[in-house]
Amino acid sequence: MKISAKNAFPNYERPPVLYHASMSAIGDQIIPRPNHTCTREEYGDFVFAGPNLDAAYCYTIKTKEMISVGSIEGSRHSACLFQSREKFMEQNPKGSIYPVDPKHFEPVPTKDGLNYTGEWISRKLIPIDPNQTITVNGIEDVMARGHQVFFLTRQPNQSETEILNSGPMKPKDIAAMVTNGLLIWENQLRGIKPQADIMAHIGDSFRQHVAAYHLPPPQ
């Protein structure tokens, strides 16, 4: 489907501000680029932005190790899932969030054209105000906003893959995958806002194991 406000869901509301997140330094404008989740033939080069400032934090650490940003049942915060923790820490990603004017953007409709996804794109050069830029100094800033960060320790089996691909994820399912060793839960390791609903499903013996876990020195 051609993305255009004309064929998007007619009742969408244009938010007062949108946010574009990037690990790359940006001068005074954002240049449209291809997005790895879309084909250039389908969408062309574009600038992506969203209305949720909290969600934008997750994309300031979007390295090649990132698998997904999903939702957690009963929470407004996201679950950020990555592959190798070691490779991620070597990169030590940091980024920025840029408030942008929604007038330059069009809403992205769902595939059936009956609604819109809540995402916005533009094919234009987008001006930014450097004075409004929000600096995000890495993974701890992301967790401090309440987002939960996880790393895979191995290839998940079929049932685990189904759970990871479902959404929103249930806290008890996340806790089970942390306890069985599939996931490293970075919030719990560092003591930065681990979600209570997930902690409630994790036993005391495992909490003691995590308390003894030795984090590598900061990069």
N, C-alpha and C. Protein backbone atom coordinates (compact mmCIF):
# COMPACT_ATOMS: atom_id res chain seq x y z
N MET A 1 0.85 -1.20 0.00
CA MET A 1 0.00 0.00 0.00
C MET A 1 0.88 1.25 0.00
N LYS A 2 0.53 2.19 -0.83
CA LYS A 2 1.23 3.47 -0.86
C LYS A 2 0.94 4.22 0.43
N ILE A 3 1.97 4.65 1.13
CA ILE A 3 1.75 5.36 2.38
C ILE A 3 1.41 6.81 2.10
N SER A 4 0.26 7.21 2.55
CA SER A 4 -0.20 8.57 2.34
C SER A 4 -1.28 8.88 3.36
N ALA A 5 -1.34 10.10 3.81
CA ALA A 5 -2.39 10.49 4.75
C ALA A 5 -3.77 10.32 4.12
N LYS A 6 -3.84 10.32 2.81
CA LYS A 6 -5.13 10.22 2.14
C LYS A 6 -5.76 8.85 2.31
N ASN A 7 -4.93 7.79 2.36
CA ASN A 7 -5.52 6.46 2.50
C ASN A 7 -5.33 5.89 3.91
N ALA A 8 -4.81 6.70 4.84
CA ALA A 8 -4.69 6.27 6.23
C ALA A 8 -6.06 6.38 6.90
N PHE A 9 -6.15 5.76 8.07
CA PHE A 9 -7.38 5.81 8.84
C PHE A 9 -7.79 7.26 9.06
N PRO A 10 -9.00 7.65 8.69
CA PRO A 10 -9.38 9.07 8.68
C PRO A 10 -9.46 9.74 10.05
N ASN A 11 -9.56 8.94 11.13
CA ASN A 11 -9.77 9.54 12.45
C ASN A 11 -8.48 9.68 13.26
N TYR A 12 -7.34 9.60 12.61
CA TYR A 12 -6.09 9.74 13.37
C TYR A 12 -5.95 11.16 13.86
N GLU A 13 -5.24 11.31 14.96
CA GLU A 13 -4.97 12.62 15.51
C GLU A 13 -3.48 12.90 15.39
N ARG A 14 -3.16 14.04 14.82
CA ARG A 14 -1.75 14.41 14.69
C ARG A 14 -1.24 14.88 16.06
N PRO A 15 -0.22 14.23 16.61
CA PRO A 15 0.27 14.61 17.94
C PRO A 15 0.96 15.96 17.91
N PRO A 16 1.11 16.60 19.06
CA PRO A 16 1.75 17.93 19.10
C PRO A 16 3.24 17.87 18.79
N VAL A 17 3.87 16.72 19.03
CA VAL A 17 5.30 16.58 18.75
C VAL A 17 5.59 15.11 18.49
N LEU A 18 6.59 14.85 17.65
CA LEU A 18 7.07 13.49 17.40
C LEU A 18 8.54 13.42 17.82
N TYR A 19 9.04 12.19 17.99
CA TYR A 19 10.42 12.00 18.43
C TYR A 19 11.14 11.03 17.51
N HIS A 20 12.31 11.44 17.08
CA HIS A 20 13.18 10.59 16.26
C HIS A 20 14.41 10.24 17.08
N ALA A 21 14.71 8.94 17.20
CA ALA A 21 15.86 8.49 17.97
C ALA A 21 16.95 7.98 17.04
N SER A 22 18.20 8.21 17.43
CA SER A 22 19.31 7.78 16.59
C SER A 22 20.57 7.58 17.44
N MET A 23 21.40 6.62 17.02
CA MET A 23 22.72 6.46 17.64
C MET A 23 23.75 7.35 16.96
N SER A 24 23.37 7.91 15.81
CA SER A 24 24.29 8.73 15.04
C SER A 24 24.10 10.21 15.38
N ALA A 25 25.19 10.94 15.39
CA ALA A 25 25.11 12.39 15.60
C ALA A 25 24.46 13.04 14.38
N ILE A 26 23.56 13.97 14.62
CA ILE A 26 22.82 14.65 13.56
C ILE A 26 23.09 16.14 13.67
N GLY A 27 23.30 16.77 12.53
CA GLY A 27 23.58 18.21 12.53
C GLY A 27 22.33 19.02 12.73
N ASP A 28 21.88 19.71 11.70
CA ASP A 28 20.70 20.56 11.83
C ASP A 28 19.49 20.01 11.08
N GLN A 29 19.63 18.82 10.47
CA GLN A 29 18.49 18.20 9.80
C GLN A 29 18.68 16.69 9.71
N ILE A 30 17.54 15.99 9.65
CA ILE A 30 17.55 14.53 9.55
C ILE A 30 17.34 14.15 8.10
N ILE A 31 18.20 13.30 7.57
CA ILE A 31 18.14 12.91 6.16
C ILE A 31 17.38 11.60 6.01
N PRO A 32 16.42 11.50 5.10
CA PRO A 32 15.71 10.23 4.88
C PRO A 32 16.68 9.12 4.47
N ARG A 33 16.49 7.93 5.07
CA ARG A 33 17.34 6.79 4.78
C ARG A 33 16.49 5.52 4.72
N PRO A 34 17.03 4.44 4.12
CA PRO A 34 16.28 3.18 4.12
C PRO A 34 16.21 2.62 5.54
N ASN A 35 15.14 1.92 5.84
CA ASN A 35 14.95 1.31 7.14
C ASN A 35 15.06 -0.19 6.99
N HIS A 36 15.78 -0.85 7.93
CA HIS A 36 16.03 -2.28 7.77
C HIS A 36 14.77 -3.13 7.90
N THR A 37 13.69 -2.56 8.47
CA THR A 37 12.45 -3.34 8.62
C THR A 37 11.54 -3.20 7.40
N CYS A 38 11.88 -2.35 6.46
CA CYS A 38 11.05 -2.13 5.27
C CYS A 38 11.93 -2.21 4.02
N THR A 39 11.34 -2.59 2.92
CA THR A 39 12.09 -2.61 1.68
C THR A 39 12.07 -1.24 1.04
N ARG A 40 13.15 -0.87 0.41
CA ARG A 40 13.23 0.43 -0.25
C ARG A 40 12.19 0.51 -1.37
N GLU A 41 11.95 -0.64 -2.05
CA GLU A 41 10.98 -0.65 -3.14
C GLU A 41 9.58 -0.31 -2.64
N GLU A 42 9.27 -0.74 -1.42
CA GLU A 42 7.93 -0.52 -0.88
C GLU A 42 7.76 0.88 -0.30
N TYR A 43 8.78 1.35 0.40
CA TYR A 43 8.63 2.61 1.11
C TYR A 43 9.59 3.71 0.65
N GLY A 44 10.68 3.35 0.02
CA GLY A 44 11.68 4.35 -0.31
C GLY A 44 12.47 4.75 0.92
N ASP A 45 13.27 5.80 0.80
CA ASP A 45 14.01 6.33 1.95
C ASP A 45 13.09 7.22 2.77
N PHE A 46 13.19 7.12 4.09
CA PHE A 46 12.30 7.94 4.90
C PHE A 46 12.90 8.19 6.28
N VAL A 47 12.28 9.12 7.00
CA VAL A 47 12.60 9.41 8.39
C VAL A 47 11.46 8.87 9.24
N PHE A 48 11.81 8.09 10.24
CA PHE A 48 10.81 7.52 11.14
C PHE A 48 10.72 8.35 12.41
N ALA A 49 9.52 8.50 12.96
CA ALA A 49 9.32 9.18 14.24
C ALA A 49 8.08 8.61 14.91
N GLY A 50 8.01 8.77 16.21
CA GLY A 50 6.85 8.30 16.96
C GLY A 50 6.44 9.31 18.02
N PRO A 51 5.21 9.20 18.54
CA PRO A 51 4.71 10.18 19.51
C PRO A 51 5.11 9.91 20.95
N ASN A 52 5.74 8.75 21.23
CA ASN A 52 6.02 8.35 22.60
C ASN A 52 7.49 8.59 22.94
N LEU A 53 7.76 9.56 23.80
CA LEU A 53 9.13 9.88 24.18
C LEU A 53 9.78 8.70 24.89
N ASP A 54 9.05 8.05 25.79
CA ASP A 54 9.61 6.90 26.52
C ASP A 54 10.08 5.82 25.55
N ALA A 55 9.23 5.49 24.58
CA ALA A 55 9.58 4.44 23.62
C ALA A 55 10.81 4.81 22.80
N ALA A 56 10.99 6.08 22.53
CA ALA A 56 12.13 6.52 21.72
C ALA A 56 13.46 6.18 22.38
N TYR A 57 13.48 6.12 23.70
CA TYR A 57 14.72 5.79 24.41
C TYR A 57 15.29 4.44 23.96
N CYS A 58 14.41 3.47 23.70
CA CYS A 58 14.87 2.14 23.33
C CYS A 58 15.69 2.16 22.04
N TYR A 59 15.36 3.07 21.14
CA TYR A 59 16.00 3.08 19.83
C TYR A 59 17.31 3.87 19.80
N THR A 60 17.68 4.44 20.94
CA THR A 60 18.99 5.09 21.01
C THR A 60 20.10 4.06 21.25
N ILE A 61 19.73 2.81 21.54
CA ILE A 61 20.72 1.74 21.72
C ILE A 61 20.45 0.61 20.73
N LYS A 62 19.91 0.96 19.58
CA LYS A 62 19.52 -0.03 18.58
C LYS A 62 20.74 -0.45 17.75
N THR A 63 21.53 -1.35 18.32
CA THR A 63 22.66 -1.91 17.59
C THR A 63 22.20 -3.09 16.74
N LYS A 64 23.14 -3.70 16.02
CA LYS A 64 22.81 -4.90 15.23
C LYS A 64 22.43 -6.07 16.12
N GLU A 65 22.75 -5.96 17.40
CA GLU A 65 22.40 -7.03 18.34
C GLU A 65 20.93 -6.98 18.75
N MET A 66 20.23 -5.87 18.47
CA MET A 66 18.83 -5.76 18.87
C MET A 66 17.97 -6.69 18.04
N ILE A 67 17.13 -7.49 18.72
CA ILE A 67 16.20 -8.39 18.07
C ILE A 67 14.83 -7.74 17.96
N SER A 68 14.37 -7.14 19.05
CA SER A 68 13.03 -6.55 19.04
C SER A 68 12.85 -5.59 20.19
N VAL A 69 11.83 -4.74 20.04
CA VAL A 69 11.31 -3.92 21.14
C VAL A 69 9.84 -4.28 21.25
N GLY A 70 9.48 -4.95 22.35
CA GLY A 70 8.11 -5.43 22.50
C GLY A 70 7.45 -4.86 23.74
N SER A 71 6.21 -5.27 23.95
CA SER A 71 5.45 -4.79 25.09
C SER A 71 5.36 -5.87 26.17
N ILE A 72 5.13 -5.43 27.40
CA ILE A 72 4.97 -6.31 28.55
C ILE A 72 3.56 -6.13 29.10
N GLU A 73 2.89 -7.22 29.32
CA GLU A 73 1.51 -7.16 29.81
C GLU A 73 1.43 -6.37 31.11
N GLY A 74 0.53 -5.38 31.14
CA GLY A 74 0.32 -4.58 32.34
C GLY A 74 1.32 -3.47 32.53
N SER A 75 2.17 -3.21 31.53
CA SER A 75 3.20 -2.17 31.68
C SER A 75 3.18 -1.23 30.48
N ARG A 76 3.47 0.04 30.73
CA ARG A 76 3.58 0.99 29.63
C ARG A 76 5.01 1.02 29.09
N HIS A 77 5.92 0.31 29.75
CA HIS A 77 7.31 0.27 29.31
C HIS A 77 7.56 -0.93 28.41
N SER A 78 8.68 -0.89 27.71
CA SER A 78 8.99 -1.89 26.70
C SER A 78 9.97 -2.93 27.20
N ALA A 79 10.01 -4.06 26.47
CA ALA A 79 11.03 -5.09 26.67
C ALA A 79 11.97 -5.03 25.48
N CYS A 80 13.22 -4.68 25.73
CA CYS A 80 14.23 -4.60 24.67
C CYS A 80 15.04 -5.88 24.67
N LEU A 81 14.98 -6.62 23.57
CA LEU A 81 15.65 -7.92 23.50
C LEU A 81 16.83 -7.85 22.54
N PHE A 82 17.98 -8.33 23.02
CA PHE A 82 19.21 -8.31 22.24
C PHE A 82 19.80 -9.71 22.15
N GLN A 83 20.72 -9.88 21.21
CA GLN A 83 21.45 -11.13 21.10
C GLN A 83 22.63 -11.11 22.08
N SER A 84 23.85 -11.06 21.61
CA SER A 84 25.03 -11.19 22.45
C SER A 84 25.21 -10.00 23.39
N ARG A 85 25.23 -10.28 24.69
CA ARG A 85 25.49 -9.24 25.67
C ARG A 85 26.92 -8.73 25.55
N GLU A 86 27.84 -9.66 25.29
CA GLU A 86 29.25 -9.30 25.18
C GLU A 86 29.48 -8.33 24.03
N LYS A 87 28.90 -8.60 22.87
CA LYS A 87 29.08 -7.72 21.72
C LYS A 87 28.43 -6.37 21.95
N PHE A 88 27.26 -6.40 22.60
CA PHE A 88 26.58 -5.14 22.90
C PHE A 88 27.44 -4.27 23.80
N MET A 89 28.00 -4.87 24.85
CA MET A 89 28.80 -4.10 25.80
C MET A 89 30.08 -3.58 25.15
N GLU A 90 30.61 -4.31 24.19
CA GLU A 90 31.80 -3.82 23.47
C GLU A 90 31.48 -2.55 22.70
N GLN A 91 30.26 -2.49 22.14
CA GLN A 91 29.86 -1.31 21.38
C GLN A 91 29.49 -0.15 22.29
N ASN A 92 28.96 -0.48 23.47
CA ASN A 92 28.58 0.55 24.45
C ASN A 92 27.79 1.68 23.78
N PRO A 93 26.64 1.35 23.15
CA PRO A 93 25.93 2.36 22.36
C PRO A 93 25.32 3.49 23.19
N LYS A 94 25.33 4.67 22.60
CA LYS A 94 24.70 5.86 23.16
C LYS A 94 24.01 6.58 22.01
N GLY A 95 23.09 7.45 22.32
CA GLY A 95 22.40 8.14 21.23
C GLY A 95 21.69 9.39 21.69
N SER A 96 20.81 9.87 20.83
CA SER A 96 20.06 11.10 21.12
C SER A 96 18.64 10.96 20.61
N ILE A 97 17.77 11.77 21.18
CA ILE A 97 16.37 11.85 20.74
C ILE A 97 16.11 13.27 20.28
N TYR A 98 15.49 13.37 19.10
CA TYR A 98 15.26 14.68 18.48
C TYR A 98 13.76 14.95 18.36
N PRO A 99 13.23 15.92 19.10
CA PRO A 99 11.83 16.33 18.90
C PRO A 99 11.68 16.94 17.50
N VAL A 100 10.65 16.54 16.78
CA VAL A 100 10.44 17.04 15.42
C VAL A 100 8.99 17.47 15.23
N ASP A 101 8.78 18.34 14.26
CA ASP A 101 7.45 18.90 13.98
C ASP A 101 6.61 17.88 13.19
N PRO A 102 5.45 17.48 13.70
CA PRO A 102 4.60 16.49 13.03
C PRO A 102 4.09 16.92 11.66
N LYS A 103 4.12 18.22 11.36
CA LYS A 103 3.57 18.68 10.09
C LYS A 103 4.34 18.11 8.90
N HIS A 104 5.56 17.64 9.12
CA HIS A 104 6.37 17.09 8.04
C HIS A 104 6.09 15.60 7.81
N PHE A 105 5.25 14.99 8.66
CA PHE A 105 5.11 13.53 8.66
C PHE A 105 3.70 13.07 8.26
N GLU A 106 3.64 11.80 7.79
CA GLU A 106 2.39 11.15 7.45
C GLU A 106 2.22 9.91 8.32
N PRO A 107 0.99 9.59 8.73
CA PRO A 107 0.77 8.39 9.54
C PRO A 107 0.93 7.13 8.70
N VAL A 108 1.41 6.07 9.31
CA VAL A 108 1.56 4.79 8.62
C VAL A 108 0.32 3.93 8.88
N PRO A 109 -0.44 3.59 7.84
CA PRO A 109 -1.65 2.78 8.03
C PRO A 109 -1.31 1.31 8.24
N THR A 110 -2.23 0.58 8.85
CA THR A 110 -2.09 -0.86 8.95
C THR A 110 -2.28 -1.47 7.56
N LYS A 111 -1.93 -2.75 7.41
CA LYS A 111 -1.99 -3.38 6.10
C LYS A 111 -3.38 -3.38 5.50
N ASP A 112 -4.42 -3.48 6.36
CA ASP A 112 -5.80 -3.49 5.84
C ASP A 112 -6.32 -2.08 5.55
N GLY A 113 -5.55 -1.05 5.94
CA GLY A 113 -5.95 0.32 5.66
C GLY A 113 -7.08 0.84 6.53
N LEU A 114 -7.49 0.06 7.56
CA LEU A 114 -8.62 0.45 8.39
C LEU A 114 -8.20 1.20 9.66
N ASN A 115 -6.93 1.25 9.90
CA ASN A 115 -6.44 1.93 11.08
C ASN A 115 -5.04 2.44 10.78
N TYR A 116 -4.40 3.06 11.75
CA TYR A 116 -3.01 3.44 11.55
C TYR A 116 -2.18 2.91 12.70
N THR A 117 -0.92 2.69 12.46
CA THR A 117 -0.06 1.96 13.38
C THR A 117 0.40 2.77 14.58
N GLY A 118 0.25 4.08 14.53
CA GLY A 118 0.83 4.94 15.55
C GLY A 118 2.23 5.40 15.20
N GLU A 119 2.72 4.91 14.05
CA GLU A 119 4.04 5.31 13.57
C GLU A 119 3.89 6.35 12.47
N TRP A 120 4.92 7.17 12.30
CA TRP A 120 4.88 8.27 11.35
C TRP A 120 6.16 8.29 10.54
N ILE A 121 6.05 8.62 9.24
CA ILE A 121 7.25 8.71 8.41
C ILE A 121 7.20 9.98 7.56
N SER A 122 8.37 10.37 7.09
CA SER A 122 8.48 11.50 6.17
C SER A 122 9.59 11.20 5.17
N ARG A 123 9.41 11.67 3.96
CA ARG A 123 10.45 11.54 2.94
C ARG A 123 11.20 12.85 2.74
N LYS A 124 10.97 13.80 3.64
CA LYS A 124 11.58 15.12 3.53
C LYS A 124 12.80 15.23 4.44
N LEU A 125 13.63 16.22 4.17
CA LEU A 125 14.67 16.60 5.12
C LEU A 125 13.97 17.25 6.31
N ILE A 126 14.26 16.78 7.50
CA ILE A 126 13.55 17.25 8.69
C ILE A 126 14.45 18.17 9.51
N PRO A 127 14.08 19.42 9.65
CA PRO A 127 14.90 20.34 10.46
C PRO A 127 14.78 19.99 11.95
N ILE A 128 15.85 20.19 12.68
CA ILE A 128 15.83 19.96 14.12
C ILE A 128 16.43 21.16 14.84
N ASP A 129 16.06 21.28 16.09
CA ASP A 129 16.62 22.32 16.95
C ASP A 129 17.61 21.65 17.90
N PRO A 130 18.91 21.86 17.71
CA PRO A 130 19.90 21.21 18.58
C PRO A 130 19.70 21.51 20.06
N ASN A 131 19.08 22.64 20.37
CA ASN A 131 18.86 23.00 21.77
C ASN A 131 17.82 22.12 22.45
N GLN A 132 17.01 21.41 21.64
CA GLN A 132 15.98 20.54 22.20
C GLN A 132 16.41 19.07 22.22
N THR A 133 17.60 18.77 21.73
CA THR A 133 18.07 17.40 21.66
C THR A 133 18.21 16.79 23.06
N ILE A 134 17.75 15.55 23.19
CA ILE A 134 17.84 14.81 24.46
C ILE A 134 18.96 13.78 24.32
N THR A 135 19.98 13.91 25.14
CA THR A 135 21.11 12.98 25.10
C THR A 135 20.83 11.77 25.98
N VAL A 136 21.06 10.59 25.42
CA VAL A 136 20.85 9.33 26.17
C VAL A 136 22.21 8.64 26.28
N ASN A 137 22.73 8.56 27.49
CA ASN A 137 24.08 8.06 27.70
C ASN A 137 24.12 6.55 27.93
N GLY A 138 23.47 5.82 27.03
CA GLY A 138 23.60 4.38 27.06
C GLY A 138 22.49 3.63 27.75
N ILE A 139 22.77 2.34 27.99
CA ILE A 139 21.77 1.39 28.45
C ILE A 139 21.19 1.75 29.82
N GLU A 140 21.98 2.33 30.70
CA GLU A 140 21.47 2.66 32.03
C GLU A 140 20.43 3.77 31.97
N ASP A 141 20.58 4.72 31.07
CA ASP A 141 19.56 5.75 30.88
C ASP A 141 18.26 5.14 30.38
N VAL A 142 18.38 4.14 29.50
CA VAL A 142 17.18 3.48 28.97
C VAL A 142 16.46 2.72 30.09
N MET A 143 17.21 2.00 30.91
CA MET A 143 16.60 1.26 32.01
C MET A 143 16.02 2.21 33.06
N ALA A 144 16.66 3.35 33.25
CA ALA A 144 16.18 4.31 34.24
C ALA A 144 14.80 4.86 33.88
N ARG A 145 14.44 4.78 32.59
CA ARG A 145 13.09 5.19 32.16
C ARG A 145 12.05 4.12 32.45
N GLY A 146 12.53 2.94 32.90
CA GLY A 146 11.60 1.85 33.22
C GLY A 146 11.58 0.73 32.21
N HIS A 147 12.31 0.87 31.09
CA HIS A 147 12.34 -0.21 30.10
C HIS A 147 13.16 -1.38 30.62
N GLN A 148 12.75 -2.59 30.24
CA GLN A 148 13.41 -3.81 30.68
C GLN A 148 14.29 -4.33 29.54
N VAL A 149 15.56 -4.60 29.85
CA VAL A 149 16.53 -5.00 28.83
C VAL A 149 16.97 -6.44 29.07
N PHE A 150 16.91 -7.24 28.00
CA PHE A 150 17.24 -8.66 28.09
C PHE A 150 18.23 -9.06 26.99
N PHE A 151 19.07 -10.04 27.31
CA PHE A 151 20.00 -10.59 26.34
C PHE A 151 19.82 -12.11 26.28
N LEU A 152 19.85 -12.66 25.06
CA LEU A 152 19.78 -14.11 24.89
C LEU A 152 21.12 -14.74 25.25
N THR A 153 21.07 -15.91 25.88
CA THR A 153 22.29 -16.66 26.19
C THR A 153 22.48 -17.84 25.23
N ARG A 154 21.42 -18.18 24.50
CA ARG A 154 21.46 -19.31 23.57
C ARG A 154 20.32 -19.16 22.58
N GLN A 155 20.27 -20.07 21.62
CA GLN A 155 19.18 -20.08 20.65
C GLN A 155 17.91 -20.59 21.33
N PRO A 156 16.82 -19.85 21.33
CA PRO A 156 15.59 -20.33 21.98
C PRO A 156 14.97 -21.50 21.23
N ASN A 157 14.29 -22.39 21.96
CA ASN A 157 13.59 -23.49 21.30
C ASN A 157 12.27 -22.98 20.71
N GLN A 158 11.50 -23.87 20.12
CA GLN A 158 10.29 -23.44 19.41
C GLN A 158 9.28 -22.77 20.32
N SER A 159 9.03 -23.37 21.48
CA SER A 159 8.03 -22.79 22.39
C SER A 159 8.51 -21.45 22.94
N GLU A 160 9.80 -21.34 23.23
CA GLU A 160 10.36 -20.07 23.71
C GLU A 160 10.28 -19.01 22.63
N THR A 161 10.54 -19.41 21.38
CA THR A 161 10.46 -18.47 20.26
C THR A 161 9.05 -17.93 20.11
N GLU A 162 8.06 -18.80 20.26
CA GLU A 162 6.66 -18.38 20.15
C GLU A 162 6.31 -17.36 21.22
N ILE A 163 6.81 -17.58 22.44
CA ILE A 163 6.55 -16.63 23.53
C ILE A 163 7.24 -15.30 23.26
N LEU A 164 8.49 -15.36 22.80
CA LEU A 164 9.24 -14.13 22.52
C LEU A 164 8.62 -13.32 21.39
N ASN A 165 7.99 -14.03 20.46
CA ASN A 165 7.38 -13.34 19.31
C ASN A 165 5.94 -12.90 19.57
N SER A 166 5.39 -13.33 20.69
CA SER A 166 4.02 -12.93 21.01
C SER A 166 4.04 -11.59 21.71
N GLY A 167 2.92 -10.97 21.79
CA GLY A 167 2.88 -9.70 22.48
C GLY A 167 1.46 -9.35 22.91
N PRO A 168 1.31 -8.68 24.04
CA PRO A 168 2.39 -8.38 24.98
C PRO A 168 2.85 -9.63 25.74
N MET A 169 4.13 -9.64 26.15
CA MET A 169 4.67 -10.77 26.89
C MET A 169 4.17 -10.76 28.33
N LYS A 170 3.93 -11.94 28.87
CA LYS A 170 3.46 -12.06 30.25
C LYS A 170 4.65 -12.06 31.20
N PRO A 171 4.56 -11.31 32.32
CA PRO A 171 5.66 -11.28 33.28
C PRO A 171 6.10 -12.67 33.75
N LYS A 172 5.14 -13.59 33.94
CA LYS A 172 5.51 -14.93 34.41
C LYS A 172 6.32 -15.68 33.36
N ASP A 173 6.05 -15.45 32.07
CA ASP A 173 6.82 -16.09 31.01
C ASP A 173 8.23 -15.52 30.95
N ILE A 174 8.34 -14.20 31.13
CA ILE A 174 9.67 -13.58 31.15
C ILE A 174 10.47 -14.13 32.32
N ALA A 175 9.85 -14.21 33.50
CA ALA A 175 10.53 -14.71 34.69
C ALA A 175 11.02 -16.14 34.48
N ALA A 176 10.20 -16.96 33.82
CA ALA A 176 10.58 -18.35 33.58
C ALA A 176 11.81 -18.43 32.69
N MET A 177 11.89 -17.55 31.68
CA MET A 177 13.03 -17.58 30.76
C MET A 177 14.29 -16.99 31.39
N VAL A 178 14.10 -16.09 32.37
CA VAL A 178 15.25 -15.60 33.12
C VAL A 178 15.77 -16.70 34.05
N THR A 179 14.84 -17.38 34.73
CA THR A 179 15.22 -18.41 35.69
C THR A 179 15.86 -19.61 35.01
N ASN A 180 15.37 -19.99 33.82
CA ASN A 180 15.95 -21.16 33.15
C ASN A 180 17.23 -20.83 32.38
N GLY A 181 17.63 -19.57 32.42
CA GLY A 181 18.91 -19.19 31.84
C GLY A 181 18.88 -18.75 30.40
N LEU A 182 17.70 -18.69 29.78
CA LEU A 182 17.62 -18.24 28.39
C LEU A 182 17.94 -16.75 28.30
N LEU A 183 17.45 -15.97 29.26
CA LEU A 183 17.60 -14.51 29.22
C LEU A 183 18.46 -14.01 30.37
N ILE A 184 19.34 -13.08 30.07
CA ILE A 184 20.01 -12.27 31.09
C ILE A 184 19.18 -10.99 31.22
N TRP A 185 18.74 -10.70 32.43
CA TRP A 185 17.88 -9.54 32.69
C TRP A 185 18.77 -8.43 33.27
N GLU A 186 19.11 -7.48 32.43
CA GLU A 186 20.08 -6.45 32.80
C GLU A 186 19.60 -5.56 33.92
N ASN A 187 18.31 -5.25 33.96
CA ASN A 187 17.77 -4.40 35.04
C ASN A 187 18.01 -5.04 36.40
N GLN A 188 17.79 -6.36 36.46
CA GLN A 188 17.97 -7.07 37.72
C GLN A 188 19.44 -7.12 38.11
N LEU A 189 20.30 -7.35 37.15
CA LEU A 189 21.73 -7.42 37.44
C LEU A 189 22.26 -6.11 38.01
N ARG A 190 21.78 -5.01 37.45
CA ARG A 190 22.31 -3.70 37.87
C ARG A 190 21.46 -3.02 38.93
N GLY A 191 20.31 -3.60 39.23
CA GLY A 191 19.43 -2.99 40.21
C GLY A 191 18.82 -1.69 39.73
N ILE A 192 18.53 -1.60 38.43
CA ILE A 192 17.94 -0.38 37.87
C ILE A 192 16.51 -0.67 37.42
N LYS A 193 15.57 -0.37 38.26
CA LYS A 193 14.13 -0.48 38.00
C LYS A 193 13.72 -1.83 37.39
N PRO A 194 14.10 -2.95 38.03
CA PRO A 194 13.55 -4.23 37.56
C PRO A 194 12.04 -4.24 37.81
N GLN A 195 11.28 -4.69 36.84
CA GLN A 195 9.82 -4.60 36.96
C GLN A 195 9.31 -5.55 38.04
N ALA A 196 8.50 -5.02 38.94
CA ALA A 196 8.02 -5.78 40.10
C ALA A 196 7.20 -6.99 39.68
N ASP A 197 6.39 -6.88 38.63
CA ASP A 197 5.55 -7.99 38.19
C ASP A 197 6.38 -9.17 37.72
N ILE A 198 7.58 -8.91 37.19
CA ILE A 198 8.47 -10.00 36.79
C ILE A 198 9.17 -10.56 38.02
N MET A 199 9.65 -9.69 38.89
CA MET A 199 10.34 -10.11 40.11
C MET A 199 9.45 -11.01 40.96
N ALA A 200 8.14 -10.76 40.96
CA ALA A 200 7.22 -11.53 41.79
C ALA A 200 7.20 -13.01 41.42
N HIS A 201 7.62 -13.33 40.20
CA HIS A 201 7.61 -14.72 39.74
C HIS A 201 8.99 -15.37 39.84
N ILE A 202 9.96 -14.66 40.39
CA ILE A 202 11.32 -15.19 40.51
C ILE A 202 11.60 -15.54 41.97
N GLY A 203 12.07 -16.75 42.21
CA GLY A 203 12.28 -17.23 43.58
C GLY A 203 13.47 -16.61 44.26
N ASP A 204 13.51 -16.72 45.60
CA ASP A 204 14.59 -16.14 46.39
C ASP A 204 15.95 -16.73 46.05
N SER A 205 15.99 -18.04 45.76
CA SER A 205 17.27 -18.68 45.47
C SER A 205 17.89 -18.09 44.21
N PHE A 206 17.06 -17.79 43.21
CA PHE A 206 17.60 -17.22 41.98
C PHE A 206 18.02 -15.78 42.22
N ARG A 207 17.33 -15.06 43.06
CA ARG A 207 17.72 -13.68 43.36
C ARG A 207 19.09 -13.65 44.02
N GLN A 208 19.37 -14.64 44.87
CA GLN A 208 20.68 -14.71 45.52
C GLN A 208 21.77 -15.02 44.49
N HIS A 209 21.41 -15.86 43.52
CA HIS A 209 22.37 -16.19 42.45
C HIS A 209 22.72 -14.94 41.66
N VAL A 210 21.71 -14.14 41.35
CA VAL A 210 21.93 -12.91 40.59
C VAL A 210 22.75 -11.91 41.41
N ALA A 211 22.50 -11.85 42.71
CA ALA A 211 23.24 -10.92 43.57
C ALA A 211 24.73 -11.24 43.57
N ALA A 212 25.05 -12.51 43.33
CA ALA A 212 26.47 -12.91 43.33
C ALA A 212 27.11 -12.79 41.95
N TYR A 213 26.31 -12.43 40.96
CA TYR A 213 26.79 -12.34 39.59
C TYR A 213 27.75 -11.13 39.48
N HIS A 214 28.90 -11.36 38.90
CA HIS A 214 29.90 -10.29 38.81
C HIS A 214 29.83 -9.63 37.43
N LEU A 215 29.47 -8.37 37.40
CA LEU A 215 29.40 -7.64 36.14
C LEU A 215 30.80 -7.30 35.64
N PRO A 216 31.03 -7.37 34.34
CA PRO A 216 32.32 -6.95 33.81
C PRO A 216 32.52 -5.45 34.01
N PRO A 217 33.75 -4.99 34.08
CA PRO A 217 33.97 -3.55 34.27
C PRO A 217 33.39 -2.75 33.12
N PRO A 218 32.94 -1.52 33.37
CA PRO A 218 32.37 -0.68 32.31
C PRO A 218 33.39 -0.44 31.20
N GLN A 219 32.86 -0.33 29.97
CA GLN A 219 33.74 -0.06 28.83
C GLN A 219 34.17 1.40 28.85
